Amino acid sequence: MKSQLAVATVVAMLCLLGIPNVKAESLAVSSNPLWTDTTLSLQIGDSVTITASGSWQFDYVHGSCGPDGMYVEENLYDRFYSGALQGALVAYVGPDPYQGHWGDESFFPQATGYWNIGSSAQFTSDKDGELWLGFNDDAVSAQPWTDNSGSVTADISVAPVPEPSGFALALLGVLALLGTRRLRRSS
């Protein structure tokens, strides 16, 4: 009986944990427009892994950079996210990565709400919404068409939060009844 209960418990736990339905996508993230809608809808708790490669240019002075961006002292105000270098690949979850403030120097750069992706990053979504990828540039000047060129390729995988199935919940109920019955017999 103990071995049967142990096996049933393991099966129940595996059903509860489930094997997440991982979504994967590879796409080009263009420098103009700055933001690309991945068409992946995230939920709170989804685990997102992104790797990126390629190069792009955010102005005529500094040359090309990869998805990690580059350190520049000027134009610190012209970023979406203060936690990433100029030109770095960043992510946003929600309906509008500009948040209705494109060109607003009193709003940008933000200290939160974006993720620094660079060449590789993993994060857990803290809200529901569309996943966007873009470059940390032109948040205030709002003119990517004047000097941006190139793109990077991003490989994205999303592991959703596992949800317990009805079968697993029913199995847990049976296990609870068996445990109660066993406790009554031993008393």
N, C-alpha and C. Protein backbone atom coordinates (compact mmCIF):
# COMPACT_ATOMS: atom_id res chain seq x y z
N MET A 1 0.82 -1.20 0.00
CA MET A 1 0.00 0.00 0.00
C MET A 1 0.87 1.26 0.00
N LYS A 2 1.98 1.24 0.79
CA LYS A 2 2.85 2.41 0.84
C LYS A 2 3.45 2.72 -0.52
N SER A 3 3.89 1.69 -1.24
CA SER A 3 4.51 1.92 -2.54
C SER A 3 3.49 2.46 -3.54
N GLN A 4 2.23 1.97 -3.46
CA GLN A 4 1.19 2.47 -4.35
C GLN A 4 0.89 3.94 -4.05
N LEU A 5 0.86 4.28 -2.78
CA LEU A 5 0.61 5.66 -2.39
C LEU A 5 1.76 6.55 -2.84
N ALA A 6 2.99 6.07 -2.72
CA ALA A 6 4.15 6.85 -3.16
C ALA A 6 4.11 7.09 -4.66
N VAL A 7 3.77 6.06 -5.43
CA VAL A 7 3.68 6.21 -6.88
C VAL A 7 2.57 7.19 -7.23
N ALA A 8 1.41 7.07 -6.58
CA ALA A 8 0.29 7.97 -6.84
C ALA A 8 0.67 9.41 -6.52
N THR A 9 1.43 9.60 -5.45
CA THR A 9 1.86 10.94 -5.07
C THR A 9 2.79 11.53 -6.13
N VAL A 10 3.73 10.73 -6.60
CA VAL A 10 4.66 11.19 -7.63
C VAL A 10 3.90 11.55 -8.91
N VAL A 11 2.96 10.68 -9.30
CA VAL A 11 2.16 10.95 -10.50
C VAL A 11 1.38 12.25 -10.33
N ALA A 12 0.79 12.45 -9.17
CA ALA A 12 0.02 13.67 -8.92
C ALA A 12 0.91 14.90 -9.01
N MET A 13 2.09 14.82 -8.43
CA MET A 13 3.00 15.97 -8.47
C MET A 13 3.44 16.27 -9.90
N LEU A 14 3.72 15.23 -10.68
CA LEU A 14 4.11 15.45 -12.08
C LEU A 14 2.97 16.08 -12.86
N CYS A 15 1.74 15.64 -12.60
CA CYS A 15 0.60 16.24 -13.28
C CYS A 15 0.43 17.70 -12.88
N LEU A 16 0.63 17.98 -11.60
CA LEU A 16 0.51 19.35 -11.13
C LEU A 16 1.57 20.24 -11.75
N LEU A 17 2.80 19.77 -11.75
CA LEU A 17 3.88 20.56 -12.31
C LEU A 17 3.73 20.66 -13.82
N GLY A 18 3.33 19.58 -14.42
CA GLY A 18 3.10 19.56 -15.86
C GLY A 18 4.37 19.87 -16.64
N ILE A 19 4.32 19.66 -17.90
CA ILE A 19 5.40 20.07 -18.79
C ILE A 19 4.86 21.30 -19.49
N PRO A 20 5.46 22.45 -19.23
CA PRO A 20 4.92 23.68 -19.80
C PRO A 20 4.92 23.64 -21.33
N ASN A 21 3.95 24.29 -21.90
CA ASN A 21 3.85 24.42 -23.34
C ASN A 21 4.73 25.58 -23.77
N VAL A 22 6.01 25.31 -23.98
CA VAL A 22 6.98 26.36 -24.29
C VAL A 22 6.71 26.92 -25.68
N LYS A 23 6.67 28.24 -25.77
CA LYS A 23 6.53 28.92 -27.05
C LYS A 23 7.91 29.41 -27.45
N ALA A 24 8.27 29.25 -28.72
CA ALA A 24 9.57 29.71 -29.20
C ALA A 24 9.37 30.47 -30.51
N GLU A 25 10.20 31.49 -30.69
CA GLU A 25 10.10 32.31 -31.88
C GLU A 25 11.46 32.94 -32.16
N SER A 26 11.76 33.12 -33.41
CA SER A 26 12.97 33.84 -33.83
C SER A 26 12.50 34.97 -34.74
N LEU A 27 12.99 36.18 -34.48
CA LEU A 27 12.55 37.30 -35.31
C LEU A 27 13.62 38.37 -35.40
N ALA A 28 13.51 39.17 -36.45
CA ALA A 28 14.41 40.31 -36.63
C ALA A 28 13.83 41.51 -35.91
N VAL A 29 14.67 42.19 -35.15
CA VAL A 29 14.27 43.42 -34.46
C VAL A 29 14.94 44.56 -35.20
N SER A 30 14.14 45.37 -35.84
CA SER A 30 14.63 46.46 -36.68
C SER A 30 14.95 47.70 -35.85
N SER A 31 15.89 48.48 -36.35
CA SER A 31 16.24 49.73 -35.67
C SER A 31 15.29 50.86 -36.05
N ASN A 32 14.45 50.63 -37.04
CA ASN A 32 13.49 51.65 -37.46
C ASN A 32 12.28 50.94 -38.07
N PRO A 33 11.16 50.83 -37.36
CA PRO A 33 10.86 51.44 -36.07
C PRO A 33 11.65 50.79 -34.94
N LEU A 34 11.73 51.49 -33.82
CA LEU A 34 12.53 51.02 -32.70
C LEU A 34 11.96 49.80 -32.01
N TRP A 35 10.65 49.61 -32.03
CA TRP A 35 10.01 48.53 -31.29
C TRP A 35 9.36 47.53 -32.22
N THR A 36 9.54 46.24 -31.90
CA THR A 36 8.96 45.15 -32.66
C THR A 36 8.04 44.35 -31.75
N ASP A 37 6.78 44.20 -32.16
CA ASP A 37 5.83 43.38 -31.43
C ASP A 37 6.13 41.92 -31.75
N THR A 38 6.49 41.15 -30.74
CA THR A 38 6.82 39.73 -30.95
C THR A 38 5.58 38.90 -31.22
N THR A 39 4.41 39.43 -30.96
CA THR A 39 3.09 38.75 -31.02
C THR A 39 2.95 37.67 -29.96
N LEU A 40 3.88 37.62 -29.01
CA LEU A 40 3.77 36.68 -27.90
C LEU A 40 3.07 37.37 -26.73
N SER A 41 1.98 36.79 -26.28
CA SER A 41 1.26 37.32 -25.13
C SER A 41 1.77 36.64 -23.87
N LEU A 42 2.19 37.44 -22.91
CA LEU A 42 2.71 36.91 -21.66
C LEU A 42 1.68 37.04 -20.55
N GLN A 43 1.82 36.17 -19.57
CA GLN A 43 1.04 36.26 -18.34
C GLN A 43 2.01 36.43 -17.19
N ILE A 44 1.52 36.97 -16.10
CA ILE A 44 2.35 37.11 -14.91
C ILE A 44 2.93 35.75 -14.55
N GLY A 45 4.24 35.71 -14.34
CA GLY A 45 4.91 34.48 -13.95
C GLY A 45 5.54 33.70 -15.09
N ASP A 46 5.23 34.07 -16.34
CA ASP A 46 5.87 33.40 -17.47
C ASP A 46 7.37 33.65 -17.44
N SER A 47 8.14 32.61 -17.71
CA SER A 47 9.60 32.71 -17.77
C SER A 47 10.01 32.95 -19.22
N VAL A 48 10.74 34.04 -19.46
CA VAL A 48 11.13 34.44 -20.80
C VAL A 48 12.65 34.38 -20.92
N THR A 49 13.14 33.70 -21.96
CA THR A 49 14.57 33.66 -22.24
C THR A 49 14.78 34.20 -23.65
N ILE A 50 15.72 35.15 -23.78
CA ILE A 50 15.98 35.77 -25.08
C ILE A 50 17.49 35.80 -25.31
N THR A 51 17.90 35.37 -26.49
CA THR A 51 19.28 35.55 -26.93
C THR A 51 19.23 36.34 -28.23
N ALA A 52 20.23 37.18 -28.45
CA ALA A 52 20.21 38.04 -29.64
C ALA A 52 21.61 38.18 -30.22
N SER A 53 21.65 38.37 -31.53
CA SER A 53 22.92 38.60 -32.22
C SER A 53 22.67 39.53 -33.40
N GLY A 54 23.73 40.12 -33.88
CA GLY A 54 23.62 41.04 -35.01
C GLY A 54 24.19 42.39 -34.62
N SER A 55 24.06 43.35 -35.51
CA SER A 55 24.55 44.69 -35.20
C SER A 55 23.66 45.75 -35.82
N TRP A 56 23.71 46.89 -35.23
CA TRP A 56 22.93 48.01 -35.73
C TRP A 56 23.66 49.29 -35.35
N GLN A 57 23.21 50.40 -35.88
CA GLN A 57 23.85 51.69 -35.64
C GLN A 57 22.80 52.69 -35.18
N PHE A 58 23.07 53.39 -34.06
CA PHE A 58 22.10 54.36 -33.55
C PHE A 58 22.45 55.81 -33.88
N ASP A 59 23.66 56.04 -34.42
CA ASP A 59 24.02 57.37 -34.91
C ASP A 59 25.19 57.24 -35.87
N TYR A 60 25.59 58.35 -36.47
CA TYR A 60 26.69 58.32 -37.43
C TYR A 60 28.06 58.47 -36.77
N VAL A 61 28.09 58.79 -35.48
CA VAL A 61 29.34 59.08 -34.78
C VAL A 61 29.97 57.83 -34.18
N HIS A 62 29.20 56.98 -33.55
CA HIS A 62 29.74 55.88 -32.75
C HIS A 62 29.89 54.56 -33.49
N GLY A 63 29.43 54.46 -34.69
CA GLY A 63 29.55 53.20 -35.43
C GLY A 63 28.54 52.17 -34.96
N SER A 64 28.74 50.93 -35.41
CA SER A 64 27.80 49.86 -35.10
C SER A 64 28.03 49.30 -33.71
N CYS A 65 26.98 48.73 -33.16
CA CYS A 65 27.07 48.02 -31.89
C CYS A 65 26.19 46.78 -31.96
N GLY A 66 26.43 45.85 -31.06
CA GLY A 66 25.61 44.65 -30.99
C GLY A 66 24.44 44.87 -30.06
N PRO A 67 23.73 43.81 -29.70
CA PRO A 67 22.55 43.94 -28.84
C PRO A 67 22.87 44.41 -27.42
N ASP A 68 24.15 44.34 -27.01
CA ASP A 68 24.51 44.84 -25.67
C ASP A 68 24.60 46.36 -25.63
N GLY A 69 24.58 47.02 -26.78
CA GLY A 69 24.70 48.47 -26.83
C GLY A 69 26.14 48.89 -26.57
N MET A 70 26.32 50.16 -26.26
CA MET A 70 27.67 50.66 -25.95
C MET A 70 27.57 51.83 -24.99
N TYR A 71 28.65 52.04 -24.26
CA TYR A 71 28.70 53.15 -23.33
C TYR A 71 28.99 54.44 -24.10
N VAL A 72 28.12 55.41 -23.95
CA VAL A 72 28.35 56.76 -24.48
C VAL A 72 27.95 57.74 -23.38
N GLU A 73 28.71 58.80 -23.26
CA GLU A 73 28.43 59.78 -22.20
C GLU A 73 27.34 60.77 -22.58
N GLU A 74 27.20 61.05 -23.86
CA GLU A 74 26.19 62.02 -24.29
C GLU A 74 24.84 61.34 -24.49
N ASN A 75 23.82 62.14 -24.53
CA ASN A 75 22.45 61.69 -24.80
C ASN A 75 21.91 60.68 -23.80
N LEU A 76 22.33 60.77 -22.54
CA LEU A 76 21.80 59.85 -21.53
C LEU A 76 20.29 59.99 -21.38
N TYR A 77 19.76 61.16 -21.69
CA TYR A 77 18.33 61.41 -21.57
C TYR A 77 17.52 60.69 -22.66
N ASP A 78 18.18 60.26 -23.73
CA ASP A 78 17.48 59.77 -24.91
C ASP A 78 17.25 58.26 -24.89
N ARG A 79 17.14 57.68 -23.71
CA ARG A 79 16.95 56.24 -23.56
C ARG A 79 15.57 55.95 -22.98
N PHE A 80 15.06 54.78 -23.29
CA PHE A 80 13.81 54.34 -22.68
C PHE A 80 14.05 53.86 -21.26
N TYR A 81 15.18 53.17 -21.06
CA TYR A 81 15.45 52.50 -19.79
C TYR A 81 16.83 52.90 -19.28
N SER A 82 16.87 53.45 -18.08
CA SER A 82 18.14 53.91 -17.50
C SER A 82 19.04 52.74 -17.08
N GLY A 83 18.51 51.53 -17.01
CA GLY A 83 19.28 50.36 -16.58
C GLY A 83 19.99 49.64 -17.71
N ALA A 84 20.06 50.23 -18.89
CA ALA A 84 20.73 49.60 -20.03
C ALA A 84 21.55 50.64 -20.78
N LEU A 85 22.58 50.17 -21.45
CA LEU A 85 23.44 51.06 -22.24
C LEU A 85 22.70 51.63 -23.45
N GLN A 86 23.26 52.69 -24.01
CA GLN A 86 22.73 53.27 -25.24
C GLN A 86 22.73 52.20 -26.33
N GLY A 87 21.61 52.03 -26.99
CA GLY A 87 21.51 51.09 -28.09
C GLY A 87 21.32 49.63 -27.71
N ALA A 88 21.23 49.33 -26.43
CA ALA A 88 21.04 47.93 -26.00
C ALA A 88 19.64 47.44 -26.39
N LEU A 89 19.54 46.14 -26.61
CA LEU A 89 18.24 45.53 -26.84
C LEU A 89 17.52 45.45 -25.50
N VAL A 90 16.29 45.97 -25.46
CA VAL A 90 15.49 45.95 -24.24
C VAL A 90 14.12 45.36 -24.55
N ALA A 91 13.42 44.93 -23.49
CA ALA A 91 12.10 44.34 -23.65
C ALA A 91 11.09 45.14 -22.85
N TYR A 92 9.85 45.05 -23.28
CA TYR A 92 8.73 45.71 -22.59
C TYR A 92 7.52 44.78 -22.71
N VAL A 93 6.70 44.72 -21.67
CA VAL A 93 5.47 43.93 -21.70
C VAL A 93 4.30 44.88 -21.47
N GLY A 94 3.39 44.90 -22.42
CA GLY A 94 2.22 45.76 -22.31
C GLY A 94 1.75 46.19 -23.69
N PRO A 95 0.78 47.10 -23.75
CA PRO A 95 0.22 47.49 -25.03
C PRO A 95 1.06 48.49 -25.82
N ASP A 96 1.93 49.28 -25.15
CA ASP A 96 2.64 50.36 -25.83
C ASP A 96 3.99 50.61 -25.17
N PRO A 97 5.10 50.18 -25.80
CA PRO A 97 6.41 50.39 -25.18
C PRO A 97 6.79 51.86 -25.04
N TYR A 98 6.13 52.73 -25.80
CA TYR A 98 6.36 54.18 -25.66
C TYR A 98 5.58 54.75 -24.48
N GLN A 99 4.62 53.97 -23.99
CA GLN A 99 3.76 54.32 -22.87
C GLN A 99 3.07 55.68 -23.07
N GLY A 100 2.83 56.03 -24.33
CA GLY A 100 2.17 57.30 -24.64
C GLY A 100 3.05 58.52 -24.38
N HIS A 101 4.35 58.31 -24.22
CA HIS A 101 5.24 59.43 -23.86
C HIS A 101 6.43 59.60 -24.80
N TRP A 102 6.38 59.02 -26.00
CA TRP A 102 7.52 59.15 -26.90
C TRP A 102 7.83 60.61 -27.13
N GLY A 103 9.07 61.01 -26.93
CA GLY A 103 9.49 62.40 -27.09
C GLY A 103 9.36 63.21 -25.81
N ASP A 104 8.92 62.61 -24.72
CA ASP A 104 8.66 63.33 -23.47
C ASP A 104 9.88 63.24 -22.54
N GLU A 105 10.68 64.29 -22.50
CA GLU A 105 11.90 64.29 -21.68
C GLU A 105 11.61 64.32 -20.18
N SER A 106 10.38 64.63 -19.79
CA SER A 106 10.04 64.57 -18.37
C SER A 106 9.67 63.14 -17.94
N PHE A 107 9.50 62.24 -18.90
CA PHE A 107 9.12 60.86 -18.61
C PHE A 107 10.29 59.89 -18.76
N PHE A 108 11.09 60.07 -19.81
CA PHE A 108 12.20 59.15 -20.09
C PHE A 108 13.52 59.74 -19.63
N PRO A 109 14.48 58.88 -19.24
CA PRO A 109 14.44 57.42 -19.20
C PRO A 109 13.75 56.92 -17.93
N GLN A 110 13.16 55.73 -18.01
CA GLN A 110 12.49 55.09 -16.89
C GLN A 110 13.48 54.18 -16.15
N ALA A 111 13.30 54.07 -14.84
CA ALA A 111 14.16 53.19 -14.03
C ALA A 111 13.58 51.78 -13.90
N THR A 112 12.32 51.62 -14.23
CA THR A 112 11.65 50.31 -14.15
C THR A 112 10.71 50.16 -15.34
N GLY A 113 10.15 48.97 -15.47
CA GLY A 113 9.16 48.73 -16.51
C GLY A 113 9.72 48.14 -17.79
N TYR A 114 11.04 48.13 -17.91
CA TYR A 114 11.71 47.54 -19.07
C TYR A 114 12.72 46.52 -18.55
N TRP A 115 13.15 45.60 -19.43
CA TRP A 115 14.20 44.63 -19.09
C TRP A 115 15.37 44.83 -20.03
N ASN A 116 16.56 44.83 -19.47
CA ASN A 116 17.78 44.87 -20.27
C ASN A 116 18.04 43.47 -20.81
N ILE A 117 17.97 43.30 -22.11
CA ILE A 117 18.16 41.99 -22.73
C ILE A 117 19.59 41.83 -23.22
N GLY A 118 20.10 42.77 -23.99
CA GLY A 118 21.43 42.65 -24.54
C GLY A 118 21.55 41.38 -25.37
N SER A 119 22.69 40.68 -25.26
CA SER A 119 22.92 39.45 -26.02
C SER A 119 22.16 38.26 -25.46
N SER A 120 21.86 38.31 -24.14
CA SER A 120 21.19 37.18 -23.51
C SER A 120 20.63 37.59 -22.17
N ALA A 121 19.40 37.20 -21.92
CA ALA A 121 18.77 37.50 -20.62
C ALA A 121 17.60 36.57 -20.40
N GLN A 122 17.26 36.43 -19.14
CA GLN A 122 16.07 35.68 -18.74
C GLN A 122 15.36 36.52 -17.69
N PHE A 123 14.03 36.59 -17.78
CA PHE A 123 13.26 37.30 -16.77
C PHE A 123 11.91 36.63 -16.60
N THR A 124 11.26 36.95 -15.50
CA THR A 124 9.91 36.47 -15.22
C THR A 124 8.97 37.66 -15.36
N SER A 125 7.97 37.51 -16.21
CA SER A 125 7.05 38.62 -16.46
C SER A 125 6.30 38.99 -15.19
N ASP A 126 6.26 40.28 -14.90
CA ASP A 126 5.54 40.76 -13.72
C ASP A 126 4.18 41.35 -14.07
N LYS A 127 3.79 41.21 -15.37
CA LYS A 127 2.46 41.66 -15.78
C LYS A 127 2.02 40.91 -17.02
N ASP A 128 0.73 41.01 -17.32
CA ASP A 128 0.17 40.41 -18.53
C ASP A 128 0.33 41.39 -19.68
N GLY A 129 0.53 40.88 -20.89
CA GLY A 129 0.56 41.75 -22.05
C GLY A 129 1.45 41.23 -23.15
N GLU A 130 1.50 41.99 -24.25
CA GLU A 130 2.34 41.67 -25.40
C GLU A 130 3.80 41.90 -25.07
N LEU A 131 4.65 41.02 -25.57
CA LEU A 131 6.10 41.19 -25.43
C LEU A 131 6.62 41.98 -26.62
N TRP A 132 7.30 43.08 -26.33
CA TRP A 132 7.92 43.94 -27.34
C TRP A 132 9.42 43.91 -27.15
N LEU A 133 10.18 43.96 -28.24
CA LEU A 133 11.62 44.13 -28.19
C LEU A 133 11.98 45.39 -28.96
N GLY A 134 12.93 46.15 -28.41
CA GLY A 134 13.33 47.39 -29.06
C GLY A 134 14.71 47.81 -28.60
N PHE A 135 15.14 48.94 -29.12
CA PHE A 135 16.46 49.46 -28.80
C PHE A 135 16.36 50.65 -27.86
N ASN A 136 17.32 50.74 -26.99
CA ASN A 136 17.37 51.80 -25.98
C ASN A 136 17.93 53.07 -26.60
N ASP A 137 17.11 53.72 -27.42
CA ASP A 137 17.53 54.89 -28.18
C ASP A 137 16.32 55.69 -28.62
N ASP A 138 16.50 56.97 -28.81
CA ASP A 138 15.49 57.87 -29.39
C ASP A 138 14.19 57.97 -28.60
N ALA A 139 14.24 57.74 -27.29
CA ALA A 139 13.02 57.86 -26.47
C ALA A 139 12.53 59.30 -26.43
N VAL A 140 13.45 60.24 -26.44
CA VAL A 140 13.08 61.66 -26.38
C VAL A 140 13.20 62.32 -27.75
N SER A 141 14.28 62.09 -28.46
CA SER A 141 14.44 62.71 -29.78
C SER A 141 13.41 62.18 -30.77
N ALA A 142 12.96 60.94 -30.58
CA ALA A 142 11.86 60.34 -31.35
C ALA A 142 12.07 60.40 -32.86
N GLN A 143 13.31 60.19 -33.30
CA GLN A 143 13.59 60.25 -34.74
C GLN A 143 14.51 59.11 -35.19
N PRO A 144 14.07 57.86 -35.08
CA PRO A 144 14.94 56.75 -35.48
C PRO A 144 15.25 56.72 -36.97
N TRP A 145 14.41 57.32 -37.78
CA TRP A 145 14.60 57.28 -39.23
C TRP A 145 15.76 58.14 -39.70
N THR A 146 16.27 59.05 -38.85
CA THR A 146 17.34 59.95 -39.29
C THR A 146 18.72 59.31 -39.28
N ASP A 147 19.00 58.40 -38.34
CA ASP A 147 20.36 57.86 -38.26
C ASP A 147 20.44 56.39 -37.84
N ASN A 148 19.34 55.71 -37.68
CA ASN A 148 19.37 54.30 -37.28
C ASN A 148 19.42 53.40 -38.51
N SER A 149 20.20 52.32 -38.38
CA SER A 149 20.23 51.32 -39.45
C SER A 149 20.62 49.97 -38.85
N GLY A 150 20.22 48.91 -39.53
CA GLY A 150 20.55 47.56 -39.09
C GLY A 150 19.46 46.93 -38.25
N SER A 151 19.76 45.70 -37.81
CA SER A 151 18.81 44.96 -36.98
C SER A 151 19.55 43.85 -36.25
N VAL A 152 18.90 43.27 -35.28
CA VAL A 152 19.43 42.08 -34.61
C VAL A 152 18.38 40.98 -34.70
N THR A 153 18.85 39.75 -34.58
CA THR A 153 17.95 38.60 -34.57
C THR A 153 17.80 38.14 -33.13
N ALA A 154 16.58 37.99 -32.69
CA ALA A 154 16.30 37.57 -31.32
C ALA A 154 15.62 36.21 -31.34
N ASP A 155 16.14 35.29 -30.53
CA ASP A 155 15.52 33.98 -30.32
C ASP A 155 14.85 34.02 -28.95
N ILE A 156 13.55 33.79 -28.93
CA ILE A 156 12.75 33.96 -27.73
C ILE A 156 12.09 32.64 -27.37
N SER A 157 12.14 32.28 -26.10
CA SER A 157 11.34 31.15 -25.63
C SER A 157 10.60 31.58 -24.37
N VAL A 158 9.34 31.18 -24.32
CA VAL A 158 8.48 31.53 -23.19
C VAL A 158 7.95 30.24 -22.58
N ALA A 159 8.23 30.04 -21.31
CA ALA A 159 7.70 28.89 -20.57
C ALA A 159 6.59 29.41 -19.67
N PRO A 160 5.34 29.11 -20.01
CA PRO A 160 4.22 29.60 -19.21
C PRO A 160 4.21 29.00 -17.80
N VAL A 161 3.56 29.67 -16.91
CA VAL A 161 3.36 29.16 -15.56
C VAL A 161 2.51 27.91 -15.67
N PRO A 162 2.99 26.78 -15.15
CA PRO A 162 2.18 25.55 -15.24
C PRO A 162 0.89 25.69 -14.45
N GLU A 163 -0.18 25.18 -15.01
CA GLU A 163 -1.47 25.20 -14.32
C GLU A 163 -1.88 23.77 -14.00
N PRO A 164 -2.40 23.54 -12.82
CA PRO A 164 -2.83 22.18 -12.48
C PRO A 164 -4.01 21.76 -13.36
N SER A 165 -3.96 20.51 -13.79
CA SER A 165 -5.06 20.01 -14.62
C SER A 165 -6.17 19.49 -13.71
N GLY A 166 -7.33 19.33 -14.27
CA GLY A 166 -8.46 18.79 -13.51
C GLY A 166 -8.17 17.39 -13.02
N PHE A 167 -7.46 16.58 -13.85
CA PHE A 167 -7.11 15.23 -13.45
C PHE A 167 -6.20 15.25 -12.22
N ALA A 168 -5.22 16.13 -12.23
CA ALA A 168 -4.29 16.20 -11.10
C ALA A 168 -5.02 16.60 -9.82
N LEU A 169 -5.93 17.53 -9.93
CA LEU A 169 -6.69 17.95 -8.74
C LEU A 169 -7.56 16.81 -8.22
N ALA A 170 -8.18 16.07 -9.13
CA ALA A 170 -8.99 14.93 -8.72
C ALA A 170 -8.13 13.87 -8.04
N LEU A 171 -6.94 13.62 -8.59
CA LEU A 171 -6.02 12.65 -8.02
C LEU A 171 -5.58 13.08 -6.63
N LEU A 172 -5.35 14.36 -6.45
CA LEU A 172 -4.99 14.85 -5.11
C LEU A 172 -6.13 14.63 -4.12
N GLY A 173 -7.35 14.82 -4.59
CA GLY A 173 -8.50 14.57 -3.73
C GLY A 173 -8.57 13.11 -3.30
N VAL A 174 -8.32 12.20 -4.24
CA VAL A 174 -8.32 10.77 -3.92
C VAL A 174 -7.21 10.46 -2.93
N LEU A 175 -6.03 11.03 -3.15
CA LEU A 175 -4.91 10.81 -2.22
C LEU A 175 -5.24 11.33 -0.82
N ALA A 176 -5.90 12.45 -0.75
CA ALA A 176 -6.29 12.99 0.56
C ALA A 176 -7.26 12.05 1.25
N LEU A 177 -8.21 11.51 0.49
CA LEU A 177 -9.16 10.55 1.07
C LEU A 177 -8.45 9.29 1.55
N LEU A 178 -7.51 8.78 0.75
CA LEU A 178 -6.74 7.60 1.15
C LEU A 178 -5.93 7.88 2.41
N GLY A 179 -5.35 9.04 2.49
CA GLY A 179 -4.57 9.40 3.68
C GLY A 179 -5.45 9.49 4.91
N THR A 180 -6.65 10.08 4.76
CA THR A 180 -7.58 10.18 5.88
C THR A 180 -8.03 8.80 6.32
N ARG A 181 -8.33 7.95 5.34
CA ARG A 181 -8.78 6.59 5.64
C ARG A 181 -7.68 5.83 6.38
N ARG A 182 -6.44 6.00 5.93
CA ARG A 182 -5.32 5.32 6.58
C ARG A 182 -5.11 5.80 8.02
N LEU A 183 -5.28 7.10 8.22
CA LEU A 183 -5.14 7.66 9.56
C LEU A 183 -6.21 7.08 10.50
N ARG A 184 -7.43 6.93 9.99
CA ARG A 184 -8.51 6.40 10.81
C ARG A 184 -8.25 4.96 11.19
N ARG A 185 -7.68 4.16 10.25
CA ARG A 185 -7.40 2.75 10.55
C ARG A 185 -6.29 2.61 11.59
N SER A 186 -5.33 3.50 11.56
CA SER A 186 -4.21 3.36 12.49
C SER A 186 -4.57 3.90 13.88
N SER A 187 -5.66 4.62 14.04
CA SER A 187 -6.03 5.15 15.36
C SER A 187 -6.80 4.16 16.18
